[in-house]
C-alpha atoms as a PDB file:
ATOM      1  CA  TRP A   1     -28.151  16.430 -14.510  1.00  0.00           C
ATOM      2  CA  ALA A   2     -24.469  16.777 -15.369  1.00  0.00           C
ATOM      3  CA  GLY A   3     -22.664  19.500 -13.679  1.00  0.00           C
ATOM      4  CA  ALA A   4     -19.587  21.023 -15.324  1.00  0.00           C
ATOM      5  CA  ALA A   5     -16.310  21.859 -13.421  1.00  0.00           C
ATOM      6  CA  GLY A   6     -15.906  21.326  -9.800  1.00  0.00           C
ATOM      7  CA  GLY A   7     -13.465  19.016  -8.041  1.00  0.00           C
ATOM      8  CA  GLY A   8     -10.803  21.551  -7.660  1.00  0.00           C
ATOM      9  CA  ARG A   9     -10.674  22.650 -11.262  1.00  0.00           C
ATOM     10  CA  PRO A  10     -11.559  26.239 -12.538  1.00  0.00           C
ATOM     11  CA  PRO A  11     -14.881  26.888 -13.792  1.00  0.00           C
ATOM     12  CA  PRO A  12     -15.315  26.591 -17.546  1.00  0.00           C
ATOM     13  CA  PRO A  13     -15.112  29.828 -19.621  1.00  0.00           C
ATOM     14  CA  PRO A  14     -17.118  31.783 -20.521  1.00  0.00           C
ATOM     15  CA  MET A  15     -19.380  31.388 -17.391  1.00  0.00           C
ATOM     16  CA  GLY A  16     -16.742  31.701 -14.792  1.00  0.00           C
ATOM     17  CA  ALA A  17     -18.964  29.368 -12.560  1.00  0.00           C
ATOM     18  CA  VAL A  18     -19.857  25.717 -12.295  1.00  0.00           C
ATOM     19  CA  THR A  19     -22.693  25.060 -14.536  1.00  0.00           C
ATOM     20  CA  ILE A  20     -25.577  22.761 -13.940  1.00  0.00           C
ATOM     21  CA  GLU A  21     -26.494  21.171 -17.275  1.00  0.00           C
ATOM     22  CA  LEU A  22     -28.296  18.301 -19.213  1.00  0.00           C
ATOM     23  CA  PRO A  23     -26.209  15.945 -21.170  1.00  0.00           C
ATOM     24  CA  ALA A  24     -25.662  17.672 -24.720  1.00  0.00           C
ATOM     25  CA  GLY A  25     -23.172  18.085 -27.503  1.00  0.00           C
ATOM     26  CA  LEU A  26     -22.635  18.678 -31.055  1.00  0.00           C
ATOM     27  CA  VAL A  27     -24.149  16.378 -33.762  1.00  0.00           C
ATOM     28  CA  ASP A  28     -21.254  14.908 -35.938  1.00  0.00           C
ATOM     29  CA  PRO A  29     -21.439  14.900 -39.625  1.00  0.00           C
ATOM     30  CA  GLY A  30     -23.683  12.040 -40.848  1.00  0.00           C
ATOM     31  CA  GLU A  31     -25.209  11.498 -37.264  1.00  0.00           C
ATOM     32  CA  SER A  32     -28.851  12.091 -36.362  1.00  0.00           C
ATOM     33  CA  PRO A  33     -29.762  14.214 -33.392  1.00  0.00           C
ATOM     34  CA  GLU A  34     -31.101  11.017 -31.723  1.00  0.00           C
ATOM     35  CA  ALA A  35     -27.792   9.152 -32.230  1.00  0.00           C
ATOM     36  CA  ALA A  36     -25.745  12.159 -30.869  1.00  0.00           C
ATOM     37  CA  ALA A  37     -28.103  12.413 -27.906  1.00  0.00           C
ATOM     38  CA  LEU A  38     -27.530   8.753 -27.018  1.00  0.00           C
ATOM     39  CA  ARG A  39     -23.813   8.959 -27.523  1.00  0.00           C
ATOM     40  CA  GLU A  40     -23.589  12.100 -25.330  1.00  0.00           C
ATOM     41  CA  LEU A  41     -25.687  10.399 -22.756  1.00  0.00           C
ATOM     42  CA  LYS A  42     -23.354   7.478 -22.533  1.00  0.00           C
ATOM     43  CA  GLU A  43     -20.065   9.603 -22.815  1.00  0.00           C
ATOM     44  CA  GLU A  44     -21.139  12.187 -20.197  1.00  0.00           C
ATOM     45  CA  THR A  45     -22.999   9.988 -17.652  1.00  0.00           C
ATOM     46  CA  GLY A  46     -22.355   6.316 -18.529  1.00  0.00           C
ATOM     47  CA  TYR A  47     -26.002   5.595 -18.864  1.00  0.00           C
ATOM     48  CA  THR A  48     -27.579   4.084 -21.922  1.00  0.00           C
ATOM     49  CA  GLY A  49     -31.077   4.730 -23.187  1.00  0.00           C
ATOM     50  CA  SER A  50     -33.457   4.932 -26.158  1.00  0.00           C
ATOM     51  CA  SER A  51     -34.843   7.807 -27.896  1.00  0.00           C
ATOM     52  CA  ALA A  52     -38.534   8.478 -27.096  1.00  0.00           C
ATOM     53  CA  CYS A  53     -39.108  11.547 -29.297  1.00  0.00           C
ATOM     54  CA  VAL A  54     -37.158  14.371 -30.942  1.00  0.00           C
ATOM     55  CA  SER A  55     -38.166  18.005 -31.717  1.00  0.00           C
ATOM     56  CA  GLY A  56     -37.667  20.117 -34.700  1.00  0.00           C
ATOM     57  CA  GLN A  57     -35.061  22.922 -34.763  1.00  0.00           C
ATOM     58  CA  LEU A  58     -35.141  25.040 -31.533  1.00  0.00           C
ATOM     59  CA  ALA A  59     -33.572  28.574 -31.415  1.00  0.00           C
ATOM     60  CA  MET A  60     -31.305  29.078 -28.354  1.00  0.00           C
ATOM     61  CA  SER A  61     -31.095  32.887 -28.375  1.00  0.00           C
ATOM     62  CA  PRO A  62     -32.399  34.174 -31.641  1.00  0.00           C
ATOM     63  CA  GLY A  63     -31.661  37.975 -30.875  1.00  0.00           C
ATOM     64  CA  LEU A  64     -27.907  37.196 -30.492  1.00  0.00           C
ATOM     65  CA  THR A  65     -27.049  34.209 -32.441  1.00  0.00           C
ATOM     66  CA  ASP A  66     -28.226  31.597 -35.111  1.00  0.00           C
ATOM     67  CA  GLU A  67     -27.484  28.647 -32.759  1.00  0.00           C
ATOM     68  CA  ALA A  68     -30.212  26.089 -32.886  1.00  0.00           C
ATOM     69  CA  VAL A  69     -30.643  22.746 -31.154  1.00  0.00           C
ATOM     70  CA  ALA A  70     -32.921  19.683 -31.154  1.00  0.00           C
ATOM     71  CA  LEU A  71     -34.295  18.390 -27.936  1.00  0.00           C
ATOM     72  CA  VAL A  72     -34.177  14.635 -27.675  1.00  0.00           C
ATOM     73  CA  VAL A  73     -36.269  12.779 -24.953  1.00  0.00           C
ATOM     74  CA  VAL A  74     -34.488   9.824 -23.716  1.00  0.00           C
ATOM     75  CA  GLU A  75     -35.789   6.972 -21.633  1.00  0.00           C
ATOM     76  CA  VAL A  76     -33.259   5.361 -19.405  1.00  0.00           C
ATOM     77  CA  ASP A  77     -33.969   2.059 -17.594  1.00  0.00           C
ATOM     78  CA  LEU A  78     -32.215   2.302 -14.344  1.00  0.00           C
ATOM     79  CA  ASP A  79     -32.931  -1.365 -13.692  1.00  0.00           C
ATOM     80  CA  SER A  80     -30.956  -2.343 -16.811  1.00  0.00           C
ATOM     81  CA  PRO A  81     -27.746  -4.190 -16.162  1.00  0.00           C
ATOM     82  CA  ALA A  82     -26.057  -1.720 -18.517  1.00  0.00           C
ATOM     83  CA  ASN A  83     -26.982   1.072 -16.046  1.00  0.00           C
ATOM     84  CA  ARG A  84     -26.396  -0.508 -12.777  1.00  0.00           C
ATOM     85  CA  VAL A  85     -22.704   0.769 -12.629  1.00  0.00           C
ATOM     86  CA  PRO A  86     -22.453   3.548 -15.205  1.00  0.00           C
ATOM     87  CA  GLU A  87     -19.084   4.591 -16.381  1.00  0.00           C
ATOM     88  CA  GLN A  88     -18.338   7.883 -17.993  1.00  0.00           C
ATOM     89  CA  ALA A  89     -16.163   8.230 -21.207  1.00  0.00           C
ATOM     90  CA  LEU A  90     -15.167  11.959 -21.000  1.00  0.00           C
ATOM     91  CA  ASP A  91     -12.662  13.859 -23.164  1.00  0.00           C
ATOM     92  CA  GLU A  92      -9.711  14.996 -21.317  1.00  0.00           C
ATOM     93  CA  SER A  93     -10.941  18.659 -21.272  1.00  0.00           C
ATOM     94  CA  GLU A  94     -14.310  17.574 -19.612  1.00  0.00           C
ATOM     95  CA  PHE A  95     -14.944  17.122 -15.891  1.00  0.00           C
ATOM     96  CA  ILE A  96     -18.551  16.151 -15.313  1.00  0.00           C
ATOM     97  CA  ARG A  97     -20.111  15.055 -11.962  1.00  0.00           C
ATOM     98  CA  VAL A  98     -23.440  13.187 -12.499  1.00  0.00           C
ATOM     99  CA  ASN A  99     -26.174  13.816  -9.924  1.00  0.00           C
ATOM    100  CA  ARG A 100     -29.459  12.016  -9.911  1.00  0.00           C
ATOM    101  CA  VAL A 101     -32.277  13.883  -8.319  1.00  0.00           C
ATOM    102  CA  PRO A 102     -35.895  13.007  -7.676  1.00  0.00           C
ATOM    103  CA  VAL A 103     -38.211  14.861 -10.099  1.00  0.00           C
ATOM    104  CA  LYS A 104     -40.105  16.519  -7.325  1.00  0.00           C
ATOM    105  CA  ALA A 105     -36.780  17.880  -5.782  1.00  0.00           C
ATOM    106  CA  LEU A 106     -35.276  19.341  -9.066  1.00  0.00           C
ATOM    107  CA  LEU A 107     -36.271  22.916  -8.626  1.00  0.00           C
ATOM    108  CA  PRO A 108     -35.528  23.174  -4.901  1.00  0.00           C
ATOM    109  CA  THR A 109     -32.148  21.488  -5.707  1.00  0.00           C
ATOM    110  CA  LEU A 110     -31.267  23.830  -8.439  1.00  0.00           C
ATOM    111  CA  ARG A 111     -32.235  26.859  -6.169  1.00  0.00           C
ATOM    112  CA  GLU A 112     -29.854  25.423  -3.618  1.00  0.00           C
ATOM    113  CA  LEU A 113     -27.048  25.190  -6.165  1.00  0.00           C
ATOM    114  CA  GLU A 114     -27.616  28.746  -7.228  1.00  0.00           C
ATOM    115  CA  ARG A 115     -27.129  29.931  -3.620  1.00  0.00           C
ATOM    116  CA  ASP A 116     -23.840  27.945  -3.687  1.00  0.00           C
ATOM    117  CA  GLY A 117     -22.755  29.995  -6.798  1.00  0.00           C
ATOM    118  CA  CYS A 118     -23.666  27.442  -9.620  1.00  0.00           C
ATOM    119  CA  VAL A 119     -25.293  28.606 -12.775  1.00  0.00           C
ATOM    120  CA  PRO A 120     -28.142  26.354 -14.087  1.00  0.00           C
ATOM    121  CA  PHE A 121     -28.540  25.738 -17.703  1.00  0.00           C
ATOM    122  CA  THR A 122     -31.735  27.372 -19.018  1.00  0.00           C
ATOM    123  CA  GLY A 123     -33.250  24.268 -20.471  1.00  0.00           C
ATOM    124  CA  LEU A 124     -32.753  22.514 -17.067  1.00  0.00           C
ATOM    125  CA  TYR A 125     -34.233  25.217 -15.202  1.00  0.00           C
ATOM    126  CA  THR A 126     -37.113  25.653 -17.441  1.00  0.00           C
ATOM    127  CA  LEU A 127     -37.909  21.846 -17.120  1.00  0.00           C
ATOM    128  CA  ALA A 128     -37.805  22.158 -13.329  1.00  0.00           C
ATOM    129  CA  VAL A 129     -40.348  25.170 -13.400  1.00  0.00           C
ATOM    130  CA  GLY A 130     -42.571  23.271 -15.823  1.00  0.00           C
ATOM    131  CA  LEU A 131     -42.464  20.285 -13.678  1.00  0.00           C
ATOM    132  CA  GLN A 132     -43.290  22.272 -10.636  1.00  0.00           C
ATOM    133  CA  LEU A 133     -46.294  24.104 -12.579  1.00  0.00           C
ATOM    134  CA  GLY A 134     -47.651  20.819 -13.735  1.00  0.00           C
ATOM    135  CA  ALA A 135     -47.612  19.346 -10.163  1.00  0.00           C
ATOM    136  CA  SER A 136     -48.586  22.232  -8.072  1.00  0.00           C
ATOM    137  CA  GLY A 137     -49.589  25.165 -10.052  1.00  0.00           C
ATOM    138  CA  LEU A 138     -48.622  28.778 -10.560  1.00  0.00           C
ATOM    139  CA  ALA A 139     -48.667  29.915  -6.896  1.00  0.00           C
ATOM    140  CA  ASP A 140     -46.099  27.075  -5.985  1.00  0.00           C
ATOM    141  CA  ALA A 141     -43.878  27.703  -8.884  1.00  0.00           C
ATOM    142  CA  SER A 142     -43.916  31.547  -8.321  1.00  0.00           C
ATOM    143  CA  ALA A 143     -42.996  30.903  -4.619  1.00  0.00           C
ATOM    144  CA  ALA A 144     -40.170  28.445  -5.549  1.00  0.00           C
ATOM    145  CA  LEU A 145     -38.756  31.068  -8.131  1.00  0.00           C
ATOM    146  CA  SER A 146     -38.806  34.037  -5.690  1.00  0.00           C
ATOM    147  CA  THR A 147     -36.966  32.193  -2.698  1.00  0.00           C
END
């Protein structure tokens, strides 16, 4: 995941806390969601990948805003020469630290970061819970959420 803020910099508004996120960004005019996802992945993490699939339009918080997103699943070959020493291309206003976490450790890692005052992005947290449910079932996911 990509974590915003940190390194002695103030937390980004409006959260007022370090956020734990997935690579994401706006789709530029004339750009497809797939192209935007691959561009943002490269800029924010330094990794290159290929689009595996893309969703239709997804609502973020339909009771509050008309914001919608597309979810793009990207495959990243960590053995590729292009990904051996990834280099970010961040904007001046961005501070992103990349953290690679084993899939099985994602939910416990997010819980630990929450205890440290970080705020996970809903989509990342939902992914972590879904992975836990798929691997271990409802009882283990419920236990992980309540710790």
